[in-house]
């Protein structure tokens, strides 16, 4: 496996657990992410179309390789219920080497399928 910098965490806010679960399952099934964690209980405050809004949301946290971030981003955008979904990728500075290798292996299979 390459250096840990190859691994990214992708954050995606979702309106509810069901939509987050569907996105998580479809991304992992497509091997665009090795793992997707659904984290409930998030409150977001944001400006949308000139107004301050607040919403209870669920955070979807996906683990993938840098090379797959564009495809994962498009997958999330196309299947997401929001008009403008939050999709943010953050480069991992490090981690447990065996876990990083597992993320890389589980997502590389998408290129061989």
PDB file of N, CA and C in Angstrom:
ATOM      1  N   UNK A   1       0.842  -1.186   0.000  1.00  0.00           N
ATOM      2  CA  UNK A   1       0.000   0.000   0.000  1.00  0.00           C
ATOM      3  C   UNK A   1       0.875   1.233   0.000  1.00  0.00           C
ATOM      4  N   UNK A   2       0.369   2.306  -0.569  1.00  0.00           N
ATOM      5  CA  UNK A   2       1.079   3.569  -0.588  1.00  0.00           C
ATOM      6  C   UNK A   2       1.066   4.236   0.775  1.00  0.00           C
ATOM      7  N   UNK A   3       1.520   5.453   0.833  1.00  0.00           N
ATOM      8  CA  UNK A   3       1.560   6.173   2.106  1.00  0.00           C
ATOM      9  C   UNK A   3       0.164   6.453   2.627  1.00  0.00           C
ATOM     10  N   UNK A   4       0.045   6.758   3.936  1.00  0.00           N
ATOM     11  CA  UNK A   4      -1.273   7.021   4.505  1.00  0.00           C
ATOM     12  C   UNK A   4      -2.002   8.182   3.842  1.00  0.00           C
ATOM     13  N   UNK A   5      -1.279   9.074   3.178  1.00  0.00           N
ATOM     14  CA  UNK A   5      -1.897  10.227   2.537  1.00  0.00           C
ATOM     15  C   UNK A   5      -2.856   9.799   1.421  1.00  0.00           C
ATOM     16  N   UNK A   6      -2.776   8.549   0.977  1.00  0.00           N
ATOM     17  CA  UNK A   6      -3.649   8.050  -0.064  1.00  0.00           C
ATOM     18  C   UNK A   6      -5.081   7.869   0.435  1.00  0.00           C
ATOM     19  N   UNK A   7      -5.263   7.785   1.750  1.00  0.00           N
ATOM     20  CA  UNK A   7      -6.578   7.521   2.324  1.00  0.00           C
ATOM     21  C   UNK A   7      -7.275   8.838   2.675  1.00  0.00           C
ATOM     22  N   UNK A   8      -8.556   8.913   2.345  1.00  0.00           N
ATOM     23  CA  UNK A   8      -9.352  10.102   2.642  1.00  0.00           C
ATOM     24  C   UNK A   8     -10.596   9.729   3.441  1.00  0.00           C
ATOM     25  N   UNK A   9     -11.031  10.660   4.267  1.00  0.00           N
ATOM     26  CA  UNK A   9     -12.307  10.582   4.960  1.00  0.00           C
ATOM     27  C   UNK A   9     -13.240  11.531   4.224  1.00  0.00           C
ATOM     28  N   UNK A  10     -14.416  11.053   3.873  1.00  0.00           N
ATOM     29  CA  UNK A  10     -15.382  11.880   3.159  1.00  0.00           C
ATOM     30  C   UNK A  10     -16.601  12.067   4.049  1.00  0.00           C
ATOM     31  N   UNK A  11     -16.918  13.319   4.354  1.00  0.00           N
ATOM     32  CA  UNK A  11     -18.048  13.688   5.202  1.00  0.00           C
ATOM     33  C   UNK A  11     -19.230  14.052   4.319  1.00  0.00           C
ATOM     34  N   UNK A  12     -20.404  13.569   4.695  1.00  0.00           N
ATOM     35  CA  UNK A  12     -21.612  13.876   3.935  1.00  0.00           C
ATOM     36  C   UNK A  12     -22.788  13.979   4.904  1.00  0.00           C
ATOM     37  N   UNK A  13     -23.379  15.163   5.017  1.00  0.00           N
ATOM     38  CA  UNK A  13     -24.552  15.352   5.874  1.00  0.00           C
ATOM     39  C   UNK A  13     -25.791  14.841   5.159  1.00  0.00           C
ATOM     40  N   UNK A  14     -26.649  14.150   5.920  1.00  0.00           N
ATOM     41  CA  UNK A  14     -27.872  13.575   5.360  1.00  0.00           C
ATOM     42  C   UNK A  14     -29.068  13.983   6.218  1.00  0.00           C
ATOM     43  N   UNK A  15     -30.258  14.035   5.628  1.00  0.00           N
ATOM     44  CA  UNK A  15     -31.426  14.478   6.383  1.00  0.00           C
ATOM     45  C   UNK A  15     -31.915  13.478   7.431  1.00  0.00           C
ATOM     46  N   UNK A  16     -31.594  12.187   7.243  1.00  0.00           N
ATOM     47  CA  UNK A  16     -32.091  11.184   8.180  1.00  0.00           C
ATOM     48  C   UNK A  16     -31.275   9.907   8.070  1.00  0.00           C
ATOM     49  N   UNK A  17     -31.515   8.990   9.002  1.00  0.00           N
ATOM     50  CA  UNK A  17     -30.775   7.731   9.052  1.00  0.00           C
ATOM     51  C   UNK A  17     -31.018   6.865   7.813  1.00  0.00           C
ATOM     52  N   UNK A  18     -32.233   6.865   7.301  1.00  0.00           N
ATOM     53  CA  UNK A  18     -32.544   6.037   6.134  1.00  0.00           C
ATOM     54  C   UNK A  18     -31.749   6.458   4.905  1.00  0.00           C
ATOM     55  N   UNK A  19     -31.731   7.758   4.616  1.00  0.00           N
ATOM     56  CA  UNK A  19     -30.993   8.216   3.440  1.00  0.00           C
ATOM     57  C   UNK A  19     -29.496   7.991   3.624  1.00  0.00           C
ATOM     58  N   UNK A  20     -28.995   8.215   4.835  1.00  0.00           N
ATOM     59  CA  UNK A  20     -27.575   7.962   5.106  1.00  0.00           C
ATOM     60  C   UNK A  20     -27.259   6.480   4.932  1.00  0.00           C
ATOM     61  N   UNK A  21     -28.140   5.618   5.408  1.00  0.00           N
ATOM     62  CA  UNK A  21     -27.930   4.178   5.275  1.00  0.00           C
ATOM     63  C   UNK A  21     -27.924   3.719   3.828  1.00  0.00           C
ATOM     64  N   UNK A  22     -28.823   4.276   3.025  1.00  0.00           N
ATOM     65  CA  UNK A  22     -28.854   3.924   1.597  1.00  0.00           C
ATOM     66  C   UNK A  22     -27.571   4.368   0.891  1.00  0.00           C
ATOM     67  N   UNK A  23     -27.141   5.594   1.180  1.00  0.00           N
ATOM     68  CA  UNK A  23     -25.908   6.093   0.572  1.00  0.00           C
ATOM     69  C   UNK A  23     -24.705   5.276   1.023  1.00  0.00           C
ATOM     70  N   UNK A  24     -24.661   4.937   2.306  1.00  0.00           N
ATOM     71  CA  UNK A  24     -23.555   4.143   2.845  1.00  0.00           C
ATOM     72  C   UNK A  24     -23.487   2.790   2.144  1.00  0.00           C
ATOM     73  N   UNK A  25     -24.624   2.104   2.077  1.00  0.00           N
ATOM     74  CA  UNK A  25     -24.663   0.771   1.471  1.00  0.00           C
ATOM     75  C   UNK A  25     -24.288   0.814  -0.008  1.00  0.00           C
ATOM     76  N   UNK A  26     -24.801   1.794  -0.732  1.00  0.00           N
ATOM     77  CA  UNK A  26     -24.514   1.846  -2.168  1.00  0.00           C
ATOM     78  C   UNK A  26     -23.046   2.176  -2.434  1.00  0.00           C
ATOM     79  N   UNK A  27     -22.443   3.038  -1.614  1.00  0.00           N
ATOM     80  CA  UNK A  27     -21.028   3.384  -1.804  1.00  0.00           C
ATOM     81  C   UNK A  27     -20.120   2.199  -1.500  1.00  0.00           C
ATOM     82  N   UNK A  28     -20.423   1.463  -0.439  1.00  0.00           N
ATOM     83  CA  UNK A  28     -19.610   0.291  -0.090  1.00  0.00           C
ATOM     84  C   UNK A  28     -19.830  -0.823  -1.107  1.00  0.00           C
ATOM     85  N   UNK A  29     -21.077  -1.032  -1.513  1.00  0.00           N
ATOM     86  CA  UNK A  29     -21.365  -2.061  -2.514  1.00  0.00           C
ATOM     87  C   UNK A  29     -20.624  -1.796  -3.817  1.00  0.00           C
ATOM     88  N   UNK A  30     -20.536  -0.519  -4.205  1.00  0.00           N
ATOM     89  CA  UNK A  30     -19.829  -0.139  -5.431  1.00  0.00           C
ATOM     90  C   UNK A  30     -18.317  -0.097  -5.246  1.00  0.00           C
ATOM     91  N   UNK A  31     -17.848  -0.376  -4.031  1.00  0.00           N
ATOM     92  CA  UNK A  31     -16.431  -0.333  -3.664  1.00  0.00           C
ATOM     93  C   UNK A  31     -15.822   1.047  -3.850  1.00  0.00           C
ATOM     94  N   UNK A  32     -16.644   2.077  -3.750  1.00  0.00           N
ATOM     95  CA  UNK A  32     -16.153   3.451  -3.751  1.00  0.00           C
ATOM     96  C   UNK A  32     -15.670   3.852  -2.363  1.00  0.00           C
ATOM     97  N   UNK A  33     -16.093   3.096  -1.356  1.00  0.00           N
ATOM     98  CA  UNK A  33     -15.642   3.284   0.023  1.00  0.00           C
ATOM     99  C   UNK A  33     -15.474   1.910   0.649  1.00  0.00           C
ATOM    100  N   UNK A  34     -14.487   1.782   1.516  1.00  0.00           N
ATOM    101  CA  UNK A  34     -14.281   0.521   2.216  1.00  0.00           C
ATOM    102  C   UNK A  34     -15.231   0.403   3.393  1.00  0.00           C
ATOM    103  N   UNK A  35     -15.582   1.542   3.966  1.00  0.00           N
ATOM    104  CA  UNK A  35     -16.419   1.583   5.161  1.00  0.00           C
ATOM    105  C   UNK A  35     -17.179   2.900   5.166  1.00  0.00           C
ATOM    106  N   UNK A  36     -18.401   2.846   5.652  1.00  0.00           N
ATOM    107  CA  UNK A  36     -19.209   4.051   5.810  1.00  0.00           C
ATOM    108  C   UNK A  36     -19.868   3.998   7.181  1.00  0.00           C
ATOM    109  N   UNK A  37     -19.630   5.003   7.991  1.00  0.00           N
ATOM    110  CA  UNK A  37     -20.202   5.068   9.336  1.00  0.00           C
ATOM    111  C   UNK A  37     -21.323   6.097   9.356  1.00  0.00           C
ATOM    112  N   UNK A  38     -22.440   5.740   9.951  1.00  0.00           N
ATOM    113  CA  UNK A  38     -23.593   6.625  10.073  1.00  0.00           C
ATOM    114  C   UNK A  38     -23.635   7.127  11.510  1.00  0.00           C
ATOM    115  N   UNK A  39     -23.473   8.432  11.662  1.00  0.00           N
ATOM    116  CA  UNK A  39     -23.399   9.055  12.984  1.00  0.00           C
ATOM    117  C   UNK A  39     -24.621   9.946  13.202  1.00  0.00           C
ATOM    118  N   UNK A  40     -25.564   9.523  14.041  1.00  0.00           N
ATOM    119  CA  UNK A  40     -26.791  10.303  14.253  1.00  0.00           C
ATOM    120  C   UNK A  40     -26.566  11.450  15.247  1.00  0.00           C
ATOM    121  N   UNK A  41     -27.579  12.290  15.363  1.00  0.00           N
ATOM    122  CA  UNK A  41     -27.594  13.306  16.414  1.00  0.00           C
ATOM    123  C   UNK A  41     -26.833  14.573  16.112  1.00  0.00           C
ATOM    124  N   UNK A  42     -26.756  14.973  14.873  1.00  0.00           N
ATOM    125  CA  UNK A  42     -26.041  16.188  14.497  1.00  0.00           C
ATOM    126  C   UNK A  42     -27.042  17.320  14.264  1.00  0.00           C
ATOM    127  N   UNK A  43     -26.728  18.501  14.740  1.00  0.00           N
ATOM    128  CA  UNK A  43     -27.541  19.699  14.496  1.00  0.00           C
ATOM    129  C   UNK A  43     -26.715  20.646  13.649  1.00  0.00           C
ATOM    130  N   UNK A  44     -27.223  21.003  12.475  1.00  0.00           N
ATOM    131  CA  UNK A  44     -26.513  21.901  11.567  1.00  0.00           C
ATOM    132  C   UNK A  44     -27.193  23.257  11.533  1.00  0.00           C
ATOM    133  N   UNK A  45     -26.379  24.293  11.517  1.00  0.00           N
ATOM    134  CA  UNK A  45     -26.837  25.672  11.349  1.00  0.00           C
ATOM    135  C   UNK A  45     -26.092  26.206  10.132  1.00  0.00           C
ATOM    136  N   UNK A  46     -26.826  26.706   9.156  1.00  0.00           N
ATOM    137  CA  UNK A  46     -26.210  27.116   7.898  1.00  0.00           C
ATOM    138  C   UNK A  46     -27.054  28.188   7.222  1.00  0.00           C
ATOM    139  N   UNK A  47     -26.430  28.871   6.284  1.00  0.00           N
ATOM    140  CA  UNK A  47     -27.145  29.858   5.476  1.00  0.00           C
ATOM    141  C   UNK A  47     -27.497  29.208   4.153  1.00  0.00           C
ATOM    142  N   UNK A  48     -28.776  29.261   3.770  1.00  0.00           N
ATOM    143  CA  UNK A  48     -29.223  28.690   2.500  1.00  0.00           C
ATOM    144  C   UNK A  48     -30.198  29.650   1.850  1.00  0.00           C
ATOM    145  N   UNK A  49     -29.875  30.073   0.647  1.00  0.00           N
ATOM    146  CA  UNK A  49     -30.698  30.991  -0.128  1.00  0.00           C
ATOM    147  C   UNK A  49     -31.066  32.238   0.679  1.00  0.00           C
ATOM    148  N   UNK A  50     -30.051  32.789   1.352  1.00  0.00           N
ATOM    149  CA  UNK A  50     -30.202  34.051   2.070  1.00  0.00           C
ATOM    150  C   UNK A  50     -30.802  33.957   3.466  1.00  0.00           C
ATOM    151  N   UNK A  51     -31.116  32.778   3.910  1.00  0.00           N
ATOM    152  CA  UNK A  51     -31.729  32.609   5.237  1.00  0.00           C
ATOM    153  C   UNK A  51     -30.875  31.703   6.114  1.00  0.00           C
ATOM    154  N   UNK A  52     -30.892  31.967   7.414  1.00  0.00           N
ATOM    155  CA  UNK A  52     -30.253  31.075   8.365  1.00  0.00           C
ATOM    156  C   UNK A  52     -31.211  29.924   8.641  1.00  0.00           C
ATOM    157  N   UNK A  53     -30.740  28.715   8.445  1.00  0.00           N
ATOM    158  CA  UNK A  53     -31.535  27.509   8.633  1.00  0.00           C
ATOM    159  C   UNK A  53     -30.912  26.652   9.730  1.00  0.00           C
ATOM    160  N   UNK A  54     -31.710  25.792  10.325  1.00  0.00           N
ATOM    161  CA  UNK A  54     -31.231  24.796  11.274  1.00  0.00           C
ATOM    162  C   UNK A  54     -31.894  23.474  10.943  1.00  0.00           C
ATOM    163  N   UNK A  55     -31.152  22.392  11.096  1.00  0.00           N
ATOM    164  CA  UNK A  55     -31.705  21.080  10.767  1.00  0.00           C
ATOM    165  C   UNK A  55     -31.038  20.000  11.612  1.00  0.00           C
ATOM    166  N   UNK A  56     -31.831  19.037  12.036  1.00  0.00           N
ATOM    167  CA  UNK A  56     -31.286  17.825  12.635  1.00  0.00           C
ATOM    168  C   UNK A  56     -30.868  16.928  11.482  1.00  0.00           C
ATOM    169  N   UNK A  57     -29.632  16.474  11.509  1.00  0.00           N
ATOM    170  CA  UNK A  57     -29.100  15.683  10.412  1.00  0.00           C
ATOM    171  C   UNK A  57     -28.336  14.473  10.946  1.00  0.00           C
ATOM    172  N   UNK A  58     -27.924  13.648  10.025  1.00  0.00           N
ATOM    173  CA  UNK A  58     -27.105  12.474  10.295  1.00  0.00           C
ATOM    174  C   UNK A  58     -25.836  12.640   9.478  1.00  0.00           C
ATOM    175  N   UNK A  59     -24.683  12.361  10.089  1.00  0.00           N
ATOM    176  CA  UNK A  59     -23.418  12.485   9.372  1.00  0.00           C
ATOM    177  C   UNK A  59     -22.990  11.126   8.841  1.00  0.00           C
ATOM    178  N   UNK A  60     -22.671  11.092   7.573  1.00  0.00           N
ATOM    179  CA  UNK A  60     -22.129   9.905   6.932  1.00  0.00           C
ATOM    180  C   UNK A  60     -20.631  10.136   6.770  1.00  0.00           C
ATOM    181  N   UNK A  61     -19.825   9.218   7.286  1.00  0.00           N
ATOM    182  CA  UNK A  61     -18.370   9.317   7.221  1.00  0.00           C
ATOM    183  C   UNK A  61     -17.853   8.101   6.465  1.00  0.00           C
ATOM    184  N   UNK A  62     -17.291   8.347   5.283  1.00  0.00           N
ATOM    185  CA  UNK A  62     -16.829   7.267   4.411  1.00  0.00           C
ATOM    186  C   UNK A  62     -15.308   7.262   4.342  1.00  0.00           C
ATOM    187  N   UNK A  63     -14.722   6.073   4.244  1.00  0.00           N
ATOM    188  CA  UNK A  63     -13.274   5.927   4.130  1.00  0.00           C
ATOM    189  C   UNK A  63     -12.945   5.366   2.759  1.00  0.00           C
ATOM    190  N   UNK A  64     -12.050   6.068   2.046  1.00  0.00           N
ATOM    191  CA  UNK A  64     -11.733   5.678   0.675  1.00  0.00           C
ATOM    192  C   UNK A  64     -10.313   6.093   0.318  1.00  0.00           C
ATOM    193  N   UNK A  65      -9.927   5.820  -0.926  1.00  0.00           N
ATOM    194  CA  UNK A  65      -8.634   6.268  -1.444  1.00  0.00           C
ATOM    195  C   UNK A  65      -8.804   7.593  -2.180  1.00  0.00           C
ATOM    196  N   UNK A  66      -7.732   8.359  -2.212  1.00  0.00           N
ATOM    197  CA  UNK A  66      -7.750   9.660  -2.884  1.00  0.00           C
ATOM    198  C   UNK A  66      -8.222   9.539  -4.327  1.00  0.00           C
ATOM    199  N   UNK A  67      -7.792   8.501  -5.016  1.00  0.00           N
ATOM    200  CA  UNK A  67      -8.138   8.336  -6.432  1.00  0.00           C
ATOM    201  C   UNK A  67      -9.633   8.154  -6.650  1.00  0.00           C
ATOM    202  N   UNK A  68     -10.349   7.710  -5.622  1.00  0.00           N
ATOM    203  CA  UNK A  68     -11.788   7.460  -5.762  1.00  0.00           C
ATOM    204  C   UNK A  68     -12.656   8.613  -5.271  1.00  0.00           C
ATOM    205  N   UNK A  69     -12.056   9.650  -4.705  1.00  0.00           N
ATOM    206  CA  UNK A  69     -12.848  10.762  -4.183  1.00  0.00           C
ATOM    207  C   UNK A  69     -13.740  11.382  -5.262  1.00  0.00           C
ATOM    208  N   UNK A  70     -13.261  11.641  -6.482  1.00  0.00           N
ATOM    209  CA  UNK A  70     -14.163  12.214  -7.495  1.00  0.00           C
ATOM    210  C   UNK A  70     -15.357  11.308  -7.817  1.00  0.00           C
ATOM    211  N   UNK A  71     -15.131  10.011  -7.977  1.00  0.00           N
ATOM    212  CA  UNK A  71     -16.225   9.086  -8.292  1.00  0.00           C
ATOM    213  C   UNK A  71     -17.179   8.963  -7.107  1.00  0.00           C
ATOM    214  N   UNK A  72     -16.653   8.916  -5.889  1.00  0.00           N
ATOM    215  CA  UNK A  72     -17.507   8.846  -4.702  1.00  0.00           C
ATOM    216  C   UNK A  72     -18.324  10.130  -4.565  1.00  0.00           C
ATOM    217  N   UNK A  73     -17.711  11.264  -4.807  1.00  0.00           N
ATOM    218  CA  UNK A  73     -18.413  12.546  -4.746  1.00  0.00           C
ATOM    219  C   UNK A  73     -19.580  12.565  -5.728  1.00  0.00           C
ATOM    220  N   UNK A  74     -19.355  12.125  -6.945  1.00  0.00           N
ATOM    221  CA  UNK A  74     -20.413  12.097  -7.952  1.00  0.00           C
ATOM    222  C   UNK A  74     -21.503  11.100  -7.565  1.00  0.00           C
ATOM    223  N   UNK A  75     -21.116   9.963  -7.027  1.00  0.00           N
ATOM    224  CA  UNK A  75     -22.082   8.958  -6.572  1.00  0.00           C
ATOM    225  C   UNK A  75     -22.991   9.548  -5.496  1.00  0.00           C
ATOM    226  N   UNK A  76     -22.404  10.237  -4.524  1.00  0.00           N
ATOM    227  CA  UNK A  76     -23.178  10.846  -3.441  1.00  0.00           C
ATOM    228  C   UNK A  76     -24.089  11.952  -3.981  1.00  0.00           C
ATOM    229  N   UNK A  77     -23.543  12.794  -4.869  1.00  0.00           N
ATOM    230  CA  UNK A  77     -24.335  13.890  -5.427  1.00  0.00           C
ATOM    231  C   UNK A  77     -25.551  13.358  -6.183  1.00  0.00           C
ATOM    232  N   UNK A  78     -25.354  12.332  -6.984  1.00  0.00           N
ATOM    233  CA  UNK A  78     -26.425  11.806  -7.812  1.00  0.00           C
ATOM    234  C   UNK A  78     -27.530  11.138  -6.994  1.00  0.00           C
ATOM    235  N   UNK A  79     -27.178  10.520  -5.873  1.00  0.00           N
ATOM    236  CA  UNK A  79     -28.157   9.759  -5.090  1.00  0.00           C
ATOM    237  C   UNK A  79     -28.669  10.495  -3.856  1.00  0.00           C
ATOM    238  N   UNK A  80     -28.133  11.657  -3.583  1.00  0.00           N
ATOM    239  CA  UNK A  80     -28.464  12.395  -2.358  1.00  0.00           C
ATOM    240  C   UNK A  80     -29.791  13.136  -2.504  1.00  0.00           C
ATOM    241  N   UNK A  81     -30.590  13.195  -1.429  1.00  0.00           N
ATOM    242  CA  UNK A  81     -31.874  13.906  -1.524  1.00  0.00           C
ATOM    243  C   UNK A  81     -31.748  15.431  -1.528  1.00  0.00           C
ATOM    244  N   UNK A  82     -30.605  15.981  -1.088  1.00  0.00           N
ATOM    245  CA  UNK A  82     -30.441  17.438  -1.062  1.00  0.00           C
ATOM    246  C   UNK A  82     -30.102  17.977  -2.449  1.00  0.00           C
ATOM    247  N   UNK A  83     -30.537  19.188  -2.717  1.00  0.00           N
ATOM    248  CA  UNK A  83     -30.175  19.879  -3.953  1.00  0.00           C
ATOM    249  C   UNK A  83     -28.665  20.113  -4.020  1.00  0.00           C
ATOM    250  N   UNK A  84     -28.075  20.489  -2.882  1.00  0.00           N
ATOM    251  CA  UNK A  84     -26.637  20.751  -2.793  1.00  0.00           C
ATOM    252  C   UNK A  84     -26.088  20.031  -1.565  1.00  0.00           C
ATOM    253  N   UNK A  85     -25.723  18.762  -1.710  1.00  0.00           N
ATOM    254  CA  UNK A  85     -25.246  18.012  -0.548  1.00  0.00           C
ATOM    255  C   UNK A  85     -23.839  18.436  -0.122  1.00  0.00           C
ATOM    256  N   UNK A  86     -23.614  18.355   1.180  1.00  0.00           N
ATOM    257  CA  UNK A  86     -22.271  18.558   1.707  1.00  0.00           C
ATOM    258  C   UNK A  86     -21.469  17.294   1.420  1.00  0.00           C
ATOM    259  N   UNK A  87     -20.396  17.440   0.675  1.00  0.00           N
ATOM    260  CA  UNK A  87     -19.448  16.351   0.451  1.00  0.00           C
ATOM    261  C   UNK A  87     -18.063  16.964   0.586  1.00  0.00           C
ATOM    262  N   UNK A  88     -17.377  16.615   1.667  1.00  0.00           N
ATOM    263  CA  UNK A  88     -16.047  17.155   1.952  1.00  0.00           C
ATOM    264  C   UNK A  88     -15.075  16.007   2.151  1.00  0.00           C
ATOM    265  N   UNK A  89     -13.961  16.051   1.464  1.00  0.00           N
ATOM    266  CA  UNK A  89     -12.927  15.027   1.607  1.00  0.00           C
ATOM    267  C   UNK A  89     -11.748  15.612   2.379  1.00  0.00           C
ATOM    268  N   UNK A  90     -11.277  14.847   3.358  1.00  0.00           N
ATOM    269  CA  UNK A  90     -10.148  15.256   4.186  1.00  0.00           C
ATOM    270  C   UNK A  90      -9.083  14.171   4.095  1.00  0.00           C
ATOM    271  N   UNK A  91      -7.872  14.576   3.818  1.00  0.00           N
ATOM    272  CA  UNK A  91      -6.765  13.643   3.704  1.00  0.00           C
ATOM    273  C   UNK A  91      -6.359  13.126   5.085  1.00  0.00           C
ATOM    274  N   UNK A  92      -6.208  11.819   5.209  1.00  0.00           N
ATOM    275  CA  UNK A  92      -5.756  11.224   6.469  1.00  0.00           C
ATOM    276  C   UNK A  92      -4.251  11.461   6.625  1.00  0.00           C
ATOM    277  N   UNK A  93      -3.859  11.957   7.781  1.00  0.00           N
ATOM    278  CA  UNK A  93      -2.441  12.195   8.051  1.00  0.00           C
ATOM    279  C   UNK A  93      -1.736  10.913   8.480  1.00  0.00           C
ATOM    280  N   UNK A  94      -2.498   9.911   8.878  1.00  0.00           N
ATOM    281  CA  UNK A  94      -1.916   8.654   9.326  1.00  0.00           C
ATOM    282  C   UNK A  94      -2.998   7.772   9.891  1.00  0.00           C
ATOM    283  N   UNK A  95      -2.589   6.692  10.503  1.00  0.00           N
ATOM    284  CA  UNK A  95      -3.529   5.756  11.102  1.00  0.00           C
ATOM    285  C   UNK A  95      -2.880   4.411  11.288  1.00  0.00           C
ATOM    286  N   UNK A  96      -3.638   3.462  11.789  1.00  0.00           N
ATOM    287  CA  UNK A  96      -3.150   2.100  11.978  1.00  0.00           C
ATOM    288  C   UNK A  96      -2.806   1.522  10.599  1.00  0.00           C
ATOM    289  N   UNK A  97      -1.559   1.156  10.367  1.00  0.00           N
ATOM    290  CA  UNK A  97      -1.165   0.698   9.028  1.00  0.00           C
ATOM    291  C   UNK A  97      -2.037  -0.434   8.483  1.00  0.00           C
ATOM    292  N   UNK A  98      -2.403  -1.391   9.308  1.00  0.00           N
ATOM    293  CA  UNK A  98      -3.228  -2.502   8.826  1.00  0.00           C
ATOM    294  C   UNK A  98      -4.609  -2.014   8.398  1.00  0.00           C
ATOM    295  N   UNK A  99      -5.169  -1.042   9.104  1.00  0.00           N
ATOM    296  CA  UNK A  99      -6.477  -0.499   8.722  1.00  0.00           C
ATOM    297  C   UNK A  99      -6.374   0.270   7.416  1.00  0.00           C
ATOM    298  N   UNK A 100      -5.341   1.091   7.278  1.00  0.00           N
ATOM    299  CA  UNK A 100      -5.144   1.849   6.041  1.00  0.00           C
ATOM    300  C   UNK A 100      -4.971   0.904   4.850  1.00  0.00           C
ATOM    301  N   UNK A 101      -4.255  -0.195   5.067  1.00  0.00           N
ATOM    302  CA  UNK A 101      -4.065  -1.181   4.005  1.00  0.00           C
ATOM    303  C   UNK A 101      -5.398  -1.837   3.639  1.00  0.00           C
ATOM    304  N   UNK A 102      -6.232  -2.096   4.651  1.00  0.00           N
ATOM    305  CA  UNK A 102      -7.548  -2.690   4.400  1.00  0.00           C
ATOM    306  C   UNK A 102      -8.422  -1.754   3.566  1.00  0.00           C
ATOM    307  N   UNK A 103      -8.449  -0.456   3.909  1.00  0.00           N
ATOM    308  CA  UNK A 103      -9.224   0.520   3.128  1.00  0.00           C
ATOM    309  C   UNK A 103      -8.747   0.518   1.680  1.00  0.00           C
ATOM    310  N   UNK A 104      -7.440   0.539   1.497  1.00  0.00           N
ATOM    311  CA  UNK A 104      -6.888   0.557   0.140  1.00  0.00           C
ATOM    312  C   UNK A 104      -7.273  -0.713  -0.622  1.00  0.00           C
ATOM    313  N   UNK A 105      -7.159  -1.871   0.018  1.00  0.00           N
ATOM    314  CA  UNK A 105      -7.469  -3.137  -0.653  1.00  0.00           C
ATOM    315  C   UNK A 105      -8.951  -3.228  -1.011  1.00  0.00           C
ATOM    316  N   UNK A 106      -9.825  -2.869  -0.107  1.00  0.00           N
ATOM    317  CA  UNK A 106     -11.261  -2.984  -0.359  1.00  0.00           C
ATOM    318  C   UNK A 106     -11.739  -2.049  -1.460  1.00  0.00           C
ATOM    319  N   UNK A 107     -11.065  -0.952  -1.657  1.00  0.00           N
ATOM    320  CA  UNK A 107     -11.465  -0.017  -2.710  1.00  0.00           C
ATOM    321  C   UNK A 107     -10.735  -0.281  -4.018  1.00  0.00           C
ATOM    322  N   UNK A 108      -9.585  -0.879  -3.979  1.00  0.00           N
ATOM    323  CA  UNK A 108      -8.872  -1.213  -5.225  1.00  0.00           C
ATOM    324  C   UNK A 108      -9.635  -2.239  -6.034  1.00  0.00           C
ATOM    325  N   UNK A 109     -10.376  -3.070  -5.389  1.00  0.00           N
ATOM    326  CA  UNK A 109     -11.129  -4.102  -6.105  1.00  0.00           C
ATOM    327  C   UNK A 109     -12.097  -3.491  -7.110  1.00  0.00           C
ATOM    328  N   UNK A 110     -12.519  -2.254  -6.879  1.00  0.00           N
ATOM    329  CA  UNK A 110     -13.449  -1.618  -7.822  1.00  0.00           C
ATOM    330  C   UNK A 110     -12.789  -1.436  -9.195  1.00  0.00           C
ATOM    331  N   UNK A 111     -11.474  -1.308  -9.209  1.00  0.00           N
ATOM    332  CA  UNK A 111     -10.773  -1.120 -10.473  1.00  0.00           C
ATOM    333  C   UNK A 111     -10.601  -2.437 -11.216  1.00  0.00           C
ATOM    334  N   UNK A 112     -10.713  -3.564 -10.509  1.00  0.00           N
ATOM    335  CA  UNK A 112     -10.525  -4.877 -11.136  1.00  0.00           C
ATOM    336  C   UNK A 112     -11.847  -5.518 -11.507  1.00  0.00           C
ATOM    337  N   UNK A 113     -12.956  -4.931 -11.045  1.00  0.00           N
ATOM    338  CA  UNK A 113     -14.269  -5.551 -11.282  1.00  0.00           C
ATOM    339  C   UNK A 113     -14.682  -5.421 -12.727  1.00  0.00           C
TER     340      UNK A 113
END
